[in-house]
Amino acid sequence: MTSLVPLPAGALAPLPVHGLGDVADDWAAVDVWLAGVAANSSNGSRETVNTYRYHMAKLRWFCEQQIGKPPSRWTQQEVHAFIAFLEQLPPHALCARANGRPDAPFVAAGLPGHTPFRKTPSASSRADIVRCVHALFNAFHAAGYIRLNPMQALKARKARRLNTSRAVDLDLYAYVLEHMAQQPRETPMAHQLYERDRFALIALRELGLRASELVGAAMRDVQRLSDPKSGKTYWVFYVREENAKGGAERTIPMTNAAMDGLMSYRRAFGLPPVPDAGDANALLLSPRTRPVALANAFVKTAQDRRFFGAWGSIASRKTLYRIVKQRLGDTAAALRGQQRHDEADALEQASPHWLRHTFAKASLLRGRDIRSVAKALGHASVTTTMVYTEQTALDLIREYESGGGGEVARG
């Protein structure tokens, strides 16, 4: 055994090889980097770090299963190979489904056949993944973990610009709810799923929530708020700091439609119509039950767990995405049967985030103050919200027309 030789008095310890500390491999270095990302977020939001982790899982699968080379050994060739891989995933890169059935759930992490890819990423998703990996290599290079940055010559793409055309027409949205209501619900579970899914659609549309904010919420986040000026009490939805993008906690007024939807949904699950301050249940429940212990013993049957209200929860954006896409897709199929193909196309493209855009556009068209809408959406600046109004273009048109009008072509 070699004994440690103490440093002479006043001698400095040798400098570390790099700034990430004692890491076992590249993936431990990734964890150090992600911890730094979280620490540097003054608002404490989990969304960015969770997204980065999801993208890092894709990078790791590519490194280990596709090329057998860790990120620290990459050259520009591996960078281009990764981008090409994302553009056209090979069949073996797609996550398998349980029992090999196309309608079955995806295989869970840690089981054979699992991968972090459920489908080939869209162009915007690919841009997000590449931008994340670009940030990783920049951090590795800045910390001295790698000598050369293989992505240095590749310009990081700008973040996606808000596409305000991605909104659902209000009449079409109403038709979705109408179509859902007309579908048979022959079992208690089918009724619970209908009420839960209907509330999710209404909450996204009426409150302008992000998917992460909805799935991260608890029942107690629907709260009473009294106005001392009028003496009236209202229902509001509190978006907690840990769920909000950028950690921008905010309070959103509950519309009558949102509150009515919540009350009907809670009744379907055997809960009181309105939540109280101690209701820690997830806002989006699953009809499946979770383990519950009474007097140091677990309640065994699902029927008994239902009696105690031990419902499971919907806790991921991916699950909410599938729920919304399924409901919109069912309605789109019905529209195609009526030869309403343009409307069906619109619904098939829509997603939970489209309903957030719908809220923003509808609020501004109703004449709500842009600052109020920005606060409801959690935008750090009204500049972001102004995208929905085409305000810059309108200002230019008014300037052109200020000389008497007639210069700008009219529709």
Protein backbone atom coordinates (compact mmCIF):
# COMPACT_ATOMS: atom_id res chain seq x y z
CA MET A 1 0.00 0.00 0.00
CA THR A 2 1.30 3.41 -0.93
CA SER A 3 1.08 5.90 1.92
CA LEU A 4 0.02 9.48 1.30
CA VAL A 5 2.83 11.98 1.48
CA PRO A 6 1.72 15.17 3.22
CA LEU A 7 2.25 18.40 1.36
CA PRO A 8 4.98 20.70 2.68
CA ALA A 9 3.73 23.57 4.77
CA GLY A 10 2.43 26.33 2.56
CA ALA A 11 2.37 24.18 -0.56
CA LEU A 12 -0.70 24.35 -2.77
CA ALA A 13 -2.67 21.26 -3.69
CA PRO A 14 -2.41 20.35 -7.39
CA LEU A 15 -5.04 21.90 -9.59
CA PRO A 16 -7.88 19.63 -10.69
CA VAL A 17 -7.71 18.29 -14.23
CA HIS A 18 -11.05 19.90 -15.07
CA GLY A 19 -13.81 21.85 -13.40
CA LEU A 20 -16.40 19.08 -13.07
CA GLY A 21 -14.65 17.38 -10.19
CA ASP A 22 -14.13 13.68 -9.60
CA VAL A 23 -16.50 12.01 -12.07
CA ALA A 24 -16.45 8.33 -13.02
CA ASP A 25 -17.53 8.77 -16.64
CA ASP A 26 -19.25 11.11 -19.09
CA TRP A 27 -22.69 10.40 -17.66
CA ALA A 28 -21.57 11.33 -14.18
CA ALA A 29 -20.20 14.52 -15.75
CA VAL A 30 -23.62 15.10 -17.33
CA ASP A 31 -25.20 14.82 -13.86
CA VAL A 32 -22.77 17.45 -12.52
CA TRP A 33 -23.66 19.73 -15.42
CA LEU A 34 -27.40 19.26 -14.84
CA ALA A 35 -26.98 19.98 -11.15
CA GLY A 36 -25.30 23.24 -12.17
CA VAL A 37 -28.17 24.06 -14.52
CA ALA A 38 -30.60 23.55 -11.64
CA ALA A 39 -28.49 25.59 -9.21
CA ASN A 40 -28.17 28.47 -11.67
CA SER A 41 -31.94 28.65 -12.05
CA SER A 42 -32.83 31.34 -9.54
CA ASN A 43 -36.51 30.49 -9.82
CA GLY A 44 -36.12 26.81 -9.02
CA SER A 45 -38.18 25.59 -11.96
CA ARG A 46 -37.86 21.86 -12.64
CA GLU A 47 -39.12 21.99 -16.22
CA THR A 48 -35.86 22.94 -17.94
CA VAL A 49 -33.80 20.35 -16.05
CA ASN A 50 -36.42 17.64 -16.64
CA THR A 51 -36.39 18.44 -20.36
CA TYR A 52 -32.60 18.34 -20.45
CA ARG A 53 -32.60 14.95 -18.71
CA TYR A 54 -35.05 13.62 -21.26
CA HIS A 55 -32.79 14.78 -24.10
CA MET A 56 -29.70 13.39 -22.37
CA ALA A 57 -31.40 9.97 -22.25
CA LYS A 58 -31.68 10.12 -26.05
CA LEU A 59 -28.02 11.12 -26.36
CA ARG A 60 -26.92 8.29 -24.07
CA TRP A 61 -28.94 5.70 -25.99
CA PHE A 62 -27.33 6.86 -29.24
CA CYS A 63 -23.85 6.70 -27.72
CA GLU A 64 -24.23 3.31 -26.10
CA GLN A 65 -26.51 1.47 -28.54
CA GLN A 66 -25.71 3.10 -31.87
CA ILE A 67 -22.05 4.12 -32.04
CA GLY A 68 -20.39 2.79 -28.89
CA LYS A 69 -18.56 6.05 -28.20
CA PRO A 70 -19.14 8.47 -25.27
CA PRO A 71 -19.59 12.22 -25.88
CA SER A 72 -16.05 13.09 -24.73
CA ARG A 73 -14.68 11.03 -27.66
CA TRP A 74 -16.85 12.71 -30.29
CA THR A 75 -15.64 14.50 -33.40
CA GLN A 76 -17.68 16.43 -35.92
CA GLN A 77 -18.44 13.13 -37.66
CA GLU A 78 -20.35 11.86 -34.61
CA VAL A 79 -22.22 15.15 -34.38
CA HIS A 80 -23.44 14.83 -37.97
CA ALA A 81 -24.22 11.14 -37.43
CA PHE A 82 -26.37 12.05 -34.40
CA ILE A 83 -28.30 14.69 -36.34
CA ALA A 84 -28.87 12.24 -39.21
CA PHE A 85 -29.98 9.59 -36.69
CA LEU A 86 -32.60 11.96 -35.23
CA GLU A 87 -33.92 12.78 -38.69
CA GLN A 88 -34.61 9.14 -39.50
CA LEU A 89 -34.65 6.78 -36.54
CA PRO A 90 -33.93 3.14 -37.37
CA PRO A 91 -36.76 0.77 -36.34
CA HIS A 92 -34.76 -0.71 -33.46
CA ALA A 93 -34.45 2.77 -31.87
CA LEU A 94 -38.20 3.02 -31.27
CA CYS A 95 -39.51 1.96 -27.89
CA ALA A 96 -41.33 -1.38 -27.93
CA ARG A 97 -44.88 -1.83 -26.67
CA ALA A 98 -45.95 -4.34 -24.06
CA ASN A 99 -46.83 -7.73 -25.56
CA GLY A 100 -45.92 -6.39 -28.98
CA ARG A 101 -49.42 -4.97 -29.47
CA PRO A 102 -49.61 -1.58 -31.24
CA ASP A 103 -52.31 -0.35 -28.86
CA ALA A 104 -50.48 -1.46 -25.68
CA PRO A 105 -48.49 0.89 -23.40
CA PHE A 106 -44.82 1.46 -24.12
CA VAL A 107 -42.31 -0.74 -22.31
CA ALA A 108 -41.21 0.88 -19.05
CA ALA A 109 -37.64 2.06 -18.45
CA GLY A 110 -35.32 -0.72 -17.36
CA LEU A 111 -37.19 -3.45 -19.24
CA PRO A 112 -36.05 -5.09 -22.49
CA GLY A 113 -37.18 -3.16 -25.54
CA HIS A 114 -37.31 0.21 -23.81
CA THR A 115 -35.77 3.23 -25.54
CA PRO A 116 -36.31 6.97 -24.96
CA PHE A 117 -37.76 7.32 -28.48
CA ARG A 118 -41.47 6.75 -29.04
CA LYS A 119 -41.46 8.18 -32.53
CA THR A 120 -39.09 9.98 -34.88
CA PRO A 121 -38.70 13.52 -33.46
CA SER A 122 -40.32 16.34 -35.41
CA ALA A 123 -38.16 19.12 -36.84
CA SER A 124 -38.83 21.35 -33.82
CA SER A 125 -38.11 18.52 -31.38
CA ARG A 126 -34.86 17.71 -33.20
CA ALA A 127 -33.84 21.35 -32.90
CA ASP A 128 -34.52 21.23 -29.14
CA ILE A 129 -32.45 18.06 -28.70
CA VAL A 130 -29.50 19.41 -30.73
CA ARG A 131 -29.64 22.73 -28.86
CA CYS A 132 -29.46 20.85 -25.54
CA VAL A 133 -26.49 18.73 -26.67
CA HIS A 134 -24.82 21.90 -27.96
CA ALA A 135 -25.17 23.41 -24.47
CA LEU A 136 -23.66 20.26 -22.96
CA PHE A 137 -20.56 20.38 -25.16
CA ASN A 138 -20.14 24.10 -24.49
CA ALA A 139 -20.21 23.36 -20.76
CA PHE A 140 -17.81 20.41 -21.07
CA HIS A 141 -15.38 22.56 -23.04
CA ALA A 142 -15.65 25.54 -20.70
CA ALA A 143 -14.93 23.27 -17.71
CA GLY A 144 -11.91 21.76 -19.41
CA TYR A 145 -13.49 18.31 -19.46
CA ILE A 146 -12.89 18.10 -23.22
CA ARG A 147 -10.07 19.80 -25.11
CA LEU A 148 -11.98 20.38 -28.33
CA ASN A 149 -15.68 21.10 -28.79
CA PRO A 150 -16.99 18.93 -31.67
CA MET A 151 -20.04 21.19 -32.06
CA GLN A 152 -18.10 24.44 -32.15
CA ALA A 153 -18.58 24.81 -35.91
CA LEU A 154 -22.29 24.05 -35.65
CA LYS A 155 -24.40 27.08 -34.92
CA ALA A 156 -26.93 26.51 -32.17
CA ARG A 157 -30.39 26.98 -33.60
CA LYS A 158 -32.56 29.62 -32.06
CA ALA A 159 -35.36 28.56 -29.79
CA ARG A 160 -38.67 27.97 -31.49
CA ARG A 161 -40.63 31.11 -32.20
CA LEU A 162 -44.15 31.22 -30.87
CA ASN A 163 -46.49 30.02 -33.62
CA THR A 164 -49.80 31.70 -32.88
CA SER A 165 -51.53 29.95 -35.78
CA ARG A 166 -51.49 26.80 -33.65
CA ALA A 167 -54.79 27.42 -31.95
CA VAL A 168 -58.11 25.57 -32.05
CA ASP A 169 -61.10 27.38 -33.50
CA LEU A 170 -63.59 28.00 -30.68
CA ASP A 171 -66.49 26.41 -32.56
CA LEU A 172 -64.32 23.37 -33.25
CA TYR A 173 -63.31 23.20 -29.58
CA ALA A 174 -66.98 23.27 -28.59
CA TYR A 175 -67.64 20.45 -31.06
CA VAL A 176 -64.93 18.33 -29.41
CA LEU A 177 -66.70 18.61 -26.05
CA GLU A 178 -70.05 17.92 -27.68
CA HIS A 179 -68.72 14.83 -29.44
CA MET A 180 -67.21 13.53 -26.19
CA ALA A 181 -70.54 13.97 -24.41
CA GLN A 182 -72.35 11.93 -27.06
CA GLN A 183 -70.12 8.87 -26.72
CA PRO A 184 -71.45 5.89 -24.71
CA ARG A 185 -70.11 5.48 -21.18
CA GLU A 186 -71.28 2.08 -20.06
CA THR A 187 -69.04 1.61 -17.02
CA PRO A 188 -68.18 3.79 -14.02
CA MET A 189 -64.55 3.90 -15.20
CA ALA A 190 -65.59 5.10 -18.67
CA HIS A 191 -67.60 7.88 -17.04
CA GLN A 192 -64.66 8.85 -14.82
CA LEU A 193 -62.33 8.98 -17.81
CA TYR A 194 -64.80 11.14 -19.71
CA GLU A 195 -65.17 13.63 -16.86
CA ARG A 196 -61.40 13.70 -16.21
CA ASP A 197 -60.51 14.20 -19.87
CA ARG A 198 -63.23 16.81 -20.35
CA PHE A 199 -61.90 18.78 -17.39
CA ALA A 200 -58.32 18.55 -18.72
CA LEU A 201 -59.39 20.03 -22.07
CA ILE A 202 -61.39 22.75 -20.34
CA ALA A 203 -58.55 23.63 -17.96
CA LEU A 204 -56.05 23.97 -20.79
CA ARG A 205 -58.44 26.13 -22.81
CA GLU A 206 -59.99 28.23 -20.02
CA LEU A 207 -56.89 28.81 -17.88
CA GLY A 208 -54.13 28.89 -20.51
CA LEU A 209 -52.03 26.35 -18.60
CA ARG A 210 -48.94 24.60 -19.86
CA ALA A 211 -49.17 20.80 -19.77
CA SER A 212 -46.48 20.66 -17.07
CA GLU A 213 -48.46 23.07 -14.90
CA LEU A 214 -51.62 20.99 -15.18
CA VAL A 215 -50.06 17.59 -14.44
CA GLY A 216 -47.98 19.02 -11.60
CA ALA A 217 -50.97 20.55 -9.82
CA ALA A 218 -52.84 19.26 -6.78
CA MET A 219 -56.53 19.64 -5.97
CA ARG A 220 -55.65 22.14 -3.22
CA ASP A 221 -54.25 24.47 -5.87
CA VAL A 222 -57.85 25.39 -6.67
CA GLN A 223 -58.45 27.91 -3.89
CA ARG A 224 -60.88 30.54 -2.67
CA LEU A 225 -59.84 34.19 -2.81
CA SER A 226 -61.80 36.97 -1.15
CA ASP A 227 -61.85 40.51 -2.51
CA PRO A 228 -61.91 42.88 0.51
CA LYS A 229 -63.06 45.70 -1.74
CA SER A 230 -66.22 44.00 -3.00
CA GLY A 231 -66.65 41.46 -0.22
CA LYS A 232 -67.04 38.71 -2.82
CA THR A 233 -65.21 35.39 -2.83
CA TYR A 234 -63.92 33.83 -6.03
CA TRP A 235 -62.27 30.59 -7.10
CA VAL A 236 -58.72 30.82 -8.46
CA PHE A 237 -56.07 28.40 -9.65
CA TYR A 238 -52.64 28.74 -8.09
CA VAL A 239 -49.68 27.75 -10.28
CA ARG A 240 -46.91 26.82 -7.86
CA GLU A 241 -43.32 27.91 -8.42
CA GLU A 242 -41.99 24.37 -8.88
CA ASN A 243 -44.44 23.68 -11.72
CA ALA A 244 -44.26 26.98 -13.58
CA LYS A 245 -41.89 27.58 -16.46
CA GLY A 246 -39.23 29.94 -15.21
CA GLY A 247 -40.60 29.50 -11.68
CA ALA A 248 -43.11 32.31 -12.30
CA GLU A 249 -45.82 31.38 -9.82
CA ARG A 250 -49.13 33.03 -10.53
CA THR A 251 -52.83 32.98 -9.70
CA ILE A 252 -55.40 32.56 -12.47
CA PRO A 253 -59.13 33.23 -12.05
CA MET A 254 -61.23 30.07 -12.48
CA THR A 255 -63.93 30.64 -15.07
CA ASN A 256 -67.42 29.23 -14.53
CA ALA A 257 -66.74 26.64 -17.23
CA ALA A 258 -63.53 25.50 -15.53
CA MET A 259 -65.13 25.32 -12.09
CA ASP A 260 -68.22 23.49 -13.34
CA GLY A 261 -65.97 21.00 -15.15
CA LEU A 262 -63.91 20.42 -11.99
CA MET A 263 -66.98 19.86 -9.82
CA SER A 264 -68.53 17.38 -12.22
CA TYR A 265 -65.21 15.55 -12.52
CA ARG A 266 -64.73 15.34 -8.75
CA ARG A 267 -68.23 13.93 -8.28
CA ALA A 268 -67.42 11.18 -10.80
CA PHE A 269 -64.53 10.12 -8.55
CA GLY A 270 -66.67 10.17 -5.41
CA LEU A 271 -65.09 13.36 -4.06
CA PRO A 272 -66.87 16.42 -2.66
CA PRO A 273 -67.68 18.89 -5.49
CA VAL A 274 -65.11 21.45 -4.37
CA PRO A 275 -61.62 20.80 -2.96
CA ASP A 276 -60.49 22.02 0.43
CA ALA A 277 -57.14 23.46 1.42
CA GLY A 278 -55.86 20.07 2.60
CA ASP A 279 -56.73 18.08 -0.51
CA ALA A 280 -53.32 16.76 -1.63
CA ASN A 281 -54.75 14.56 -4.39
CA ALA A 282 -53.30 15.21 -7.83
CA LEU A 283 -55.48 17.46 -9.94
CA LEU A 284 -55.59 14.87 -12.71
CA LEU A 285 -56.62 11.51 -11.28
CA SER A 286 -56.49 8.02 -12.67
CA PRO A 287 -59.34 5.56 -12.12
CA ARG A 288 -56.67 3.07 -11.13
CA THR A 289 -55.97 2.99 -7.42
CA ARG A 290 -52.76 3.35 -5.47
CA PRO A 291 -51.63 1.50 -2.33
CA VAL A 292 -53.09 2.81 0.92
CA ALA A 293 -52.26 1.73 4.48
CA LEU A 294 -54.64 1.72 7.44
CA ALA A 295 -53.48 0.72 10.91
CA ASN A 296 -50.11 -0.47 9.54
CA ALA A 297 -51.78 -2.77 7.01
CA PHE A 298 -52.38 -2.21 3.31
CA VAL A 299 -55.93 -2.12 1.95
CA LYS A 300 -55.96 -5.12 -0.39
CA THR A 301 -58.81 -4.80 -2.86
CA ALA A 302 -59.22 -2.11 -5.51
CA GLN A 303 -62.85 -1.73 -4.46
CA ASP A 304 -61.84 -0.86 -0.91
CA ARG A 305 -59.14 1.51 -2.15
CA ARG A 306 -61.75 3.27 -4.27
CA PHE A 307 -63.89 3.61 -1.13
CA PHE A 308 -61.05 5.46 0.56
CA GLY A 309 -60.47 7.63 -2.53
CA ALA A 310 -56.98 6.21 -3.08
CA TRP A 311 -56.87 7.18 -6.72
CA GLY A 312 -53.76 7.13 -8.85
CA SER A 313 -52.64 10.20 -10.74
CA ILE A 314 -51.62 11.51 -14.15
CA ALA A 315 -48.17 12.91 -13.46
CA SER A 316 -46.41 13.29 -16.80
CA ARG A 317 -46.82 15.60 -19.76
CA LYS A 318 -46.48 12.63 -22.10
CA THR A 319 -49.53 10.95 -20.56
CA LEU A 320 -51.56 14.16 -20.78
CA TYR A 321 -50.43 14.57 -24.37
CA ARG A 322 -51.72 11.10 -25.23
CA ILE A 323 -55.04 11.78 -23.49
CA VAL A 324 -55.63 15.02 -25.38
CA LYS A 325 -54.47 13.60 -28.72
CA GLN A 326 -56.78 10.59 -28.28
CA ARG A 327 -59.84 12.78 -27.61
CA LEU A 328 -59.03 15.15 -30.47
CA GLY A 329 -58.31 12.21 -32.76
CA ASP A 330 -61.65 10.56 -31.97
CA THR A 331 -63.44 13.77 -32.88
CA ALA A 332 -61.35 14.16 -36.04
CA ALA A 333 -62.43 10.66 -37.14
CA ALA A 334 -66.07 11.64 -36.67
CA LEU A 335 -65.52 14.80 -38.71
CA ARG A 336 -64.01 12.80 -41.55
CA GLY A 337 -67.14 10.69 -41.59
CA GLN A 338 -69.04 13.92 -42.24
CA GLN A 339 -66.61 14.93 -45.00
CA ARG A 340 -65.33 17.83 -42.85
CA HIS A 341 -61.73 17.08 -43.70
CA ASP A 342 -60.22 20.54 -43.09
CA GLU A 343 -61.52 20.57 -39.53
CA ALA A 344 -60.35 16.99 -39.00
CA ASP A 345 -56.87 17.97 -40.24
CA ALA A 346 -56.77 20.85 -37.77
CA LEU A 347 -57.69 18.63 -34.82
CA GLU A 348 -55.20 15.93 -35.76
CA GLN A 349 -52.40 18.51 -35.66
CA ALA A 350 -53.55 20.06 -32.37
CA SER A 351 -51.94 19.34 -29.01
CA PRO A 352 -52.34 20.47 -25.37
CA HIS A 353 -50.23 23.55 -26.11
CA TRP A 354 -52.59 24.55 -28.91
CA LEU A 355 -55.30 25.00 -26.27
CA ARG A 356 -53.01 27.41 -24.40
CA HIS A 357 -52.68 29.42 -27.62
CA THR A 358 -56.47 29.25 -27.97
CA PHE A 359 -56.86 30.81 -24.53
CA ALA A 360 -54.43 33.62 -25.38
CA LYS A 361 -56.02 34.52 -28.71
CA ALA A 362 -59.58 34.26 -27.41
CA SER A 363 -58.76 36.42 -24.37
CA LEU A 364 -57.26 39.18 -26.49
CA LEU A 365 -60.10 39.06 -29.02
CA ARG A 366 -62.53 39.53 -26.13
CA GLY A 367 -60.73 42.76 -25.31
CA ARG A 368 -58.94 41.68 -22.15
CA ASP A 369 -55.98 43.87 -21.25
CA ILE A 370 -52.76 42.48 -22.70
CA ARG A 371 -50.97 42.80 -19.36
CA SER A 372 -53.66 40.72 -17.65
CA VAL A 373 -53.39 38.05 -20.34
CA ALA A 374 -49.59 38.04 -19.99
CA LYS A 375 -49.92 37.50 -16.23
CA ALA A 376 -52.39 34.65 -16.73
CA LEU A 377 -50.05 32.97 -19.22
CA GLY A 378 -46.99 33.47 -17.04
CA HIS A 379 -45.13 35.48 -19.67
CA ALA A 380 -42.18 37.38 -18.25
CA SER A 381 -42.79 40.20 -20.72
CA VAL A 382 -45.86 41.47 -22.57
CA THR A 383 -43.65 41.41 -25.66
CA THR A 384 -44.19 37.65 -25.80
CA THR A 385 -47.95 38.08 -25.45
CA MET A 386 -48.00 40.76 -28.14
CA VAL A 387 -47.12 38.10 -30.70
CA TYR A 388 -50.76 37.03 -30.51
CA THR A 389 -51.91 40.51 -31.49
CA GLU A 390 -49.59 41.11 -34.49
CA GLN A 391 -49.05 44.47 -32.82
CA THR A 392 -45.80 45.29 -34.64
CA ALA A 393 -47.42 44.84 -38.05
CA LEU A 394 -50.44 46.89 -36.97
CA ASP A 395 -48.19 49.72 -35.77
CA LEU A 396 -46.46 49.78 -39.18
CA ILE A 397 -49.78 49.77 -41.04
CA ARG A 398 -51.04 52.70 -38.95
CA GLU A 399 -47.82 54.58 -39.66
CA TYR A 400 -48.18 53.97 -43.41
CA GLU A 401 -51.82 55.05 -43.31
CA SER A 402 -51.23 58.15 -41.17
CA GLY A 403 -50.78 60.31 -44.24
CA GLY A 404 -54.36 59.94 -45.35
CA GLY A 405 -54.78 56.26 -45.98
CA GLY A 406 -54.90 54.12 -49.04
CA GLU A 407 -51.23 53.14 -49.18
CA VAL A 408 -51.60 49.64 -47.75
CA ALA A 409 -53.59 47.04 -49.71
CA ARG A 410 -56.78 46.05 -47.93
CA GLY A 411 -58.41 42.65 -47.77
